[in-house]
């Protein structure tokens, strides 16, 4: 009888642990909203040339890779490198340039270490062009971590879709 109670108690503890681990690996609605908000701040920081807003979505040691093609990849590591790249990008823009980012199809997945990964589609366009046309498209592969200051992007790979000649 004691063995039966021991097996039952052990089974109950395993079940509780399993439920606890499954729950620990879920993202709350607040977590998802905060991660979505990172994308909004990234986009608006880019579109309105606000480098501090843009930088604020990344961890201090973040890695940002841009894959234009298999032969053309840029990688920027750490806050200083990200700032330098972003400021160079801003300074090379034409005066009066208008550009908007649009994101969709978020798939955010919790990781075992309390973070998350995500894939998100993006497209960019000029909102004041005589004929609205999409300038570029792609998707982000991200690694998110929860810091003392909230969710941040630790690693972002921007995969630029390749346009085919007509």
C-alpha atoms as a PDB file:
ATOM      1  CA  UNK A   1       0.000   0.000   0.000  1.00  0.00           C
ATOM      2  CA  UNK A   2       2.843   2.363   0.868  1.00  0.00           C
ATOM      3  CA  UNK A   3       4.420   1.710  -2.540  1.00  0.00           C
ATOM      4  CA  UNK A   4       1.110   2.613  -4.257  1.00  0.00           C
ATOM      5  CA  UNK A   5       0.958   5.908  -2.322  1.00  0.00           C
ATOM      6  CA  UNK A   6       4.605   6.626  -3.189  1.00  0.00           C
ATOM      7  CA  UNK A   7       3.960   6.038  -6.897  1.00  0.00           C
ATOM      8  CA  UNK A   8       0.805   8.162  -6.744  1.00  0.00           C
ATOM      9  CA  UNK A   9       2.638  10.980  -4.932  1.00  0.00           C
ATOM     10  CA  UNK A  10       5.541  10.846  -7.403  1.00  0.00           C
ATOM     11  CA  UNK A  11       3.123  10.879 -10.357  1.00  0.00           C
ATOM     12  CA  UNK A  12       1.337  13.885  -8.865  1.00  0.00           C
ATOM     13  CA  UNK A  13       4.641  15.775  -8.401  1.00  0.00           C
ATOM     14  CA  UNK A  14       5.712  15.005 -11.975  1.00  0.00           C
ATOM     15  CA  UNK A  15       2.356  16.256 -13.248  1.00  0.00           C
ATOM     16  CA  UNK A  16       2.653  19.478 -11.232  1.00  0.00           C
ATOM     17  CA  UNK A  17       6.206  20.037 -12.454  1.00  0.00           C
ATOM     18  CA  UNK A  18       5.132  19.455 -16.063  1.00  0.00           C
ATOM     19  CA  UNK A  19       2.287  21.955 -15.757  1.00  0.00           C
ATOM     20  CA  UNK A  20       4.635  24.468 -14.116  1.00  0.00           C
ATOM     21  CA  UNK A  21       7.249  24.122 -16.857  1.00  0.00           C
ATOM     22  CA  UNK A  22       4.641  24.406 -19.611  1.00  0.00           C
ATOM     23  CA  UNK A  23       3.256  27.540 -17.956  1.00  0.00           C
ATOM     24  CA  UNK A  24       6.748  29.018 -17.506  1.00  0.00           C
ATOM     25  CA  UNK A  25       7.353  28.702 -21.246  1.00  0.00           C
ATOM     26  CA  UNK A  26       4.252  30.657 -22.247  1.00  0.00           C
ATOM     27  CA  UNK A  27       4.274  34.314 -23.172  1.00  0.00           C
ATOM     28  CA  UNK A  28       1.624  36.478 -21.602  1.00  0.00           C
ATOM     29  CA  UNK A  29      -0.493  38.909 -23.546  1.00  0.00           C
ATOM     30  CA  UNK A  30       1.544  41.697 -21.933  1.00  0.00           C
ATOM     31  CA  UNK A  31       4.800  40.065 -23.139  1.00  0.00           C
ATOM     32  CA  UNK A  32       3.476  39.810 -26.696  1.00  0.00           C
ATOM     33  CA  UNK A  33       2.226  43.409 -26.632  1.00  0.00           C
ATOM     34  CA  UNK A  34       5.615  44.624 -25.416  1.00  0.00           C
ATOM     35  CA  UNK A  35       7.418  42.692 -28.165  1.00  0.00           C
ATOM     36  CA  UNK A  36       5.026  44.133 -30.775  1.00  0.00           C
ATOM     37  CA  UNK A  37       5.737  47.581 -29.341  1.00  0.00           C
ATOM     38  CA  UNK A  38       9.476  46.992 -29.917  1.00  0.00           C
ATOM     39  CA  UNK A  39       8.700  46.646 -33.622  1.00  0.00           C
ATOM     40  CA  UNK A  40       6.699  49.881 -33.605  1.00  0.00           C
ATOM     41  CA  UNK A  41       9.545  51.779 -31.935  1.00  0.00           C
ATOM     42  CA  UNK A  42      12.064  50.216 -34.338  1.00  0.00           C
ATOM     43  CA  UNK A  43       9.939  51.257 -37.343  1.00  0.00           C
ATOM     44  CA  UNK A  44       9.195  54.789 -36.169  1.00  0.00           C
ATOM     45  CA  UNK A  45      12.773  55.308 -35.017  1.00  0.00           C
ATOM     46  CA  UNK A  46      13.882  54.368 -38.532  1.00  0.00           C
ATOM     47  CA  UNK A  47      11.185  56.231 -40.449  1.00  0.00           C
ATOM     48  CA  UNK A  48      11.415  59.483 -38.452  1.00  0.00           C
ATOM     49  CA  UNK A  49      15.204  59.370 -37.997  1.00  0.00           C
ATOM     50  CA  UNK A  50      15.085  59.003 -34.207  1.00  0.00           C
ATOM     51  CA  UNK A  51      18.262  57.046 -33.487  1.00  0.00           C
ATOM     52  CA  UNK A  52      17.703  56.856 -29.732  1.00  0.00           C
ATOM     53  CA  UNK A  53      14.223  55.370 -30.180  1.00  0.00           C
ATOM     54  CA  UNK A  54      15.635  52.872 -32.663  1.00  0.00           C
ATOM     55  CA  UNK A  55      18.601  51.945 -30.439  1.00  0.00           C
ATOM     56  CA  UNK A  56      16.323  51.575 -27.419  1.00  0.00           C
ATOM     57  CA  UNK A  57      14.824  48.355 -28.760  1.00  0.00           C
ATOM     58  CA  UNK A  58      18.176  46.523 -28.641  1.00  0.00           C
ATOM     59  CA  UNK A  59      20.287  45.090 -25.827  1.00  0.00           C
ATOM     60  CA  UNK A  60      23.704  46.700 -25.331  1.00  0.00           C
ATOM     61  CA  UNK A  61      25.395  43.668 -26.920  1.00  0.00           C
ATOM     62  CA  UNK A  62      22.883  43.180 -29.730  1.00  0.00           C
ATOM     63  CA  UNK A  63      23.787  41.741 -33.109  1.00  0.00           C
ATOM     64  CA  UNK A  64      22.055  43.170 -36.191  1.00  0.00           C
ATOM     65  CA  UNK A  65      22.620  41.315 -39.471  1.00  0.00           C
ATOM     66  CA  UNK A  66      21.265  42.495 -42.791  1.00  0.00           C
ATOM     67  CA  UNK A  67      21.188  39.845 -45.504  1.00  0.00           C
ATOM     68  CA  UNK A  68      20.774  41.584 -48.854  1.00  0.00           C
ATOM     69  CA  UNK A  69      21.779  38.407 -50.707  1.00  0.00           C
ATOM     70  CA  UNK A  70      23.916  35.364 -49.896  1.00  0.00           C
ATOM     71  CA  UNK A  71      26.928  37.329 -51.149  1.00  0.00           C
ATOM     72  CA  UNK A  72      26.053  40.609 -49.413  1.00  0.00           C
ATOM     73  CA  UNK A  73      25.712  40.532 -45.626  1.00  0.00           C
ATOM     74  CA  UNK A  74      26.358  43.300 -43.112  1.00  0.00           C
ATOM     75  CA  UNK A  75      26.728  42.635 -39.404  1.00  0.00           C
ATOM     76  CA  UNK A  76      26.822  45.223 -36.639  1.00  0.00           C
ATOM     77  CA  UNK A  77      27.620  44.126 -33.082  1.00  0.00           C
ATOM     78  CA  UNK A  78      27.014  46.197 -29.963  1.00  0.00           C
ATOM     79  CA  UNK A  79      25.360  49.532 -29.278  1.00  0.00           C
ATOM     80  CA  UNK A  80      28.241  51.679 -30.605  1.00  0.00           C
ATOM     81  CA  UNK A  81      28.355  49.819 -33.927  1.00  0.00           C
ATOM     82  CA  UNK A  82      24.565  49.980 -34.227  1.00  0.00           C
ATOM     83  CA  UNK A  83      24.576  53.734 -33.540  1.00  0.00           C
ATOM     84  CA  UNK A  84      27.364  54.338 -36.074  1.00  0.00           C
ATOM     85  CA  UNK A  85      25.545  52.357 -38.777  1.00  0.00           C
ATOM     86  CA  UNK A  86      22.181  54.014 -38.058  1.00  0.00           C
ATOM     87  CA  UNK A  87      23.623  57.545 -38.094  1.00  0.00           C
ATOM     88  CA  UNK A  88      25.452  56.821 -41.364  1.00  0.00           C
ATOM     89  CA  UNK A  89      22.216  55.507 -42.824  1.00  0.00           C
ATOM     90  CA  UNK A  90      20.330  58.637 -41.738  1.00  0.00           C
ATOM     91  CA  UNK A  91      22.977  61.020 -43.096  1.00  0.00           C
ATOM     92  CA  UNK A  92      22.952  59.376 -46.545  1.00  0.00           C
ATOM     93  CA  UNK A  93      19.208  59.872 -47.049  1.00  0.00           C
ATOM     94  CA  UNK A  94      17.863  62.379 -49.528  1.00  0.00           C
ATOM     95  CA  UNK A  95      16.373  65.521 -47.909  1.00  0.00           C
ATOM     96  CA  UNK A  96      12.609  65.221 -47.528  1.00  0.00           C
ATOM     97  CA  UNK A  97      12.721  61.469 -47.997  1.00  0.00           C
ATOM     98  CA  UNK A  98       9.526  59.737 -46.861  1.00  0.00           C
ATOM     99  CA  UNK A  99       9.478  56.075 -45.953  1.00  0.00           C
ATOM    100  CA  UNK A 100       7.241  53.839 -43.882  1.00  0.00           C
ATOM    101  CA  UNK A 101       7.734  50.345 -42.502  1.00  0.00           C
ATOM    102  CA  UNK A 102       4.831  47.954 -42.168  1.00  0.00           C
ATOM    103  CA  UNK A 103       4.994  44.676 -40.215  1.00  0.00           C
ATOM    104  CA  UNK A 104       2.690  41.679 -40.231  1.00  0.00           C
ATOM    105  CA  UNK A 105       2.372  37.946 -39.568  1.00  0.00           C
ATOM    106  CA  UNK A 106       4.119  37.863 -36.210  1.00  0.00           C
ATOM    107  CA  UNK A 107       5.032  34.410 -34.959  1.00  0.00           C
ATOM    108  CA  UNK A 108       6.582  34.778 -31.508  1.00  0.00           C
ATOM    109  CA  UNK A 109       7.657  31.601 -29.703  1.00  0.00           C
ATOM    110  CA  UNK A 110       8.840  31.298 -26.096  1.00  0.00           C
ATOM    111  CA  UNK A 111      12.218  29.686 -25.464  1.00  0.00           C
ATOM    112  CA  UNK A 112      13.235  27.425 -22.600  1.00  0.00           C
ATOM    113  CA  UNK A 113      15.463  30.140 -21.105  1.00  0.00           C
ATOM    114  CA  UNK A 114      12.597  32.617 -20.581  1.00  0.00           C
ATOM    115  CA  UNK A 115      13.193  34.545 -23.795  1.00  0.00           C
ATOM    116  CA  UNK A 116      11.522  34.280 -27.171  1.00  0.00           C
ATOM    117  CA  UNK A 117      12.230  34.024 -30.869  1.00  0.00           C
ATOM    118  CA  UNK A 118      10.215  35.562 -33.634  1.00  0.00           C
ATOM    119  CA  UNK A 119       9.732  35.891 -37.346  1.00  0.00           C
ATOM    120  CA  UNK A 120       7.937  38.958 -38.692  1.00  0.00           C
ATOM    121  CA  UNK A 121       7.297  40.131 -42.264  1.00  0.00           C
ATOM    122  CA  UNK A 122       8.107  43.734 -43.197  1.00  0.00           C
ATOM    123  CA  UNK A 123       7.678  45.963 -46.175  1.00  0.00           C
ATOM    124  CA  UNK A 124       8.677  49.524 -46.851  1.00  0.00           C
ATOM    125  CA  UNK A 125       7.095  52.134 -49.060  1.00  0.00           C
ATOM    126  CA  UNK A 126       7.088  55.850 -49.863  1.00  0.00           C
ATOM    127  CA  UNK A 127       3.753  57.203 -48.560  1.00  0.00           C
ATOM    128  CA  UNK A 128       3.777  60.348 -50.723  1.00  0.00           C
ATOM    129  CA  UNK A 129       4.750  58.853 -54.086  1.00  0.00           C
ATOM    130  CA  UNK A 130       2.356  59.704 -56.924  1.00  0.00           C
ATOM    131  CA  UNK A 131       1.758  55.986 -57.376  1.00  0.00           C
ATOM    132  CA  UNK A 132       2.133  54.087 -54.155  1.00  0.00           C
ATOM    133  CA  UNK A 133       4.686  51.346 -54.647  1.00  0.00           C
ATOM    134  CA  UNK A 134       6.363  48.934 -52.295  1.00  0.00           C
ATOM    135  CA  UNK A 135      10.069  49.748 -52.123  1.00  0.00           C
ATOM    136  CA  UNK A 136      11.307  46.613 -50.403  1.00  0.00           C
ATOM    137  CA  UNK A 137      10.145  43.597 -48.450  1.00  0.00           C
ATOM    138  CA  UNK A 138      11.605  40.912 -46.247  1.00  0.00           C
ATOM    139  CA  UNK A 139      11.355  39.324 -42.865  1.00  0.00           C
ATOM    140  CA  UNK A 140      13.087  39.585 -39.520  1.00  0.00           C
ATOM    141  CA  UNK A 141      14.358  36.613 -37.544  1.00  0.00           C
ATOM    142  CA  UNK A 142      14.698  37.835 -33.967  1.00  0.00           C
ATOM    143  CA  UNK A 143      15.870  36.690 -30.566  1.00  0.00           C
ATOM    144  CA  UNK A 144      14.186  38.572 -27.707  1.00  0.00           C
ATOM    145  CA  UNK A 145      15.279  38.702 -24.078  1.00  0.00           C
ATOM    146  CA  UNK A 146      13.498  40.091 -21.061  1.00  0.00           C
ATOM    147  CA  UNK A 147      15.752  42.583 -19.279  1.00  0.00           C
ATOM    148  CA  UNK A 148      15.318  44.746 -16.192  1.00  0.00           C
ATOM    149  CA  UNK A 149      14.055  47.429 -18.625  1.00  0.00           C
ATOM    150  CA  UNK A 150      11.614  45.090 -20.394  1.00  0.00           C
ATOM    151  CA  UNK A 151      11.818  43.060 -23.599  1.00  0.00           C
ATOM    152  CA  UNK A 152      14.656  43.866 -25.995  1.00  0.00           C
ATOM    153  CA  UNK A 153      16.032  42.476 -29.246  1.00  0.00           C
ATOM    154  CA  UNK A 154      19.289  40.620 -28.670  1.00  0.00           C
ATOM    155  CA  UNK A 155      19.725  39.434 -32.235  1.00  0.00           C
ATOM    156  CA  UNK A 156      17.997  40.567 -35.408  1.00  0.00           C
ATOM    157  CA  UNK A 157      18.554  39.266 -38.893  1.00  0.00           C
ATOM    158  CA  UNK A 158      16.823  41.324 -41.569  1.00  0.00           C
ATOM    159  CA  UNK A 159      16.387  39.102 -44.614  1.00  0.00           C
ATOM    160  CA  UNK A 160      15.758  41.247 -47.686  1.00  0.00           C
ATOM    161  CA  UNK A 161      13.579  39.598 -50.341  1.00  0.00           C
ATOM    162  CA  UNK A 162      15.325  39.364 -53.701  1.00  0.00           C
ATOM    163  CA  UNK A 163      13.526  41.108 -56.543  1.00  0.00           C
ATOM    164  CA  UNK A 164      13.442  39.254 -59.821  1.00  0.00           C
ATOM    165  CA  UNK A 165      14.069  41.254 -63.010  1.00  0.00           C
ATOM    166  CA  UNK A 166      11.014  41.697 -65.245  1.00  0.00           C
END
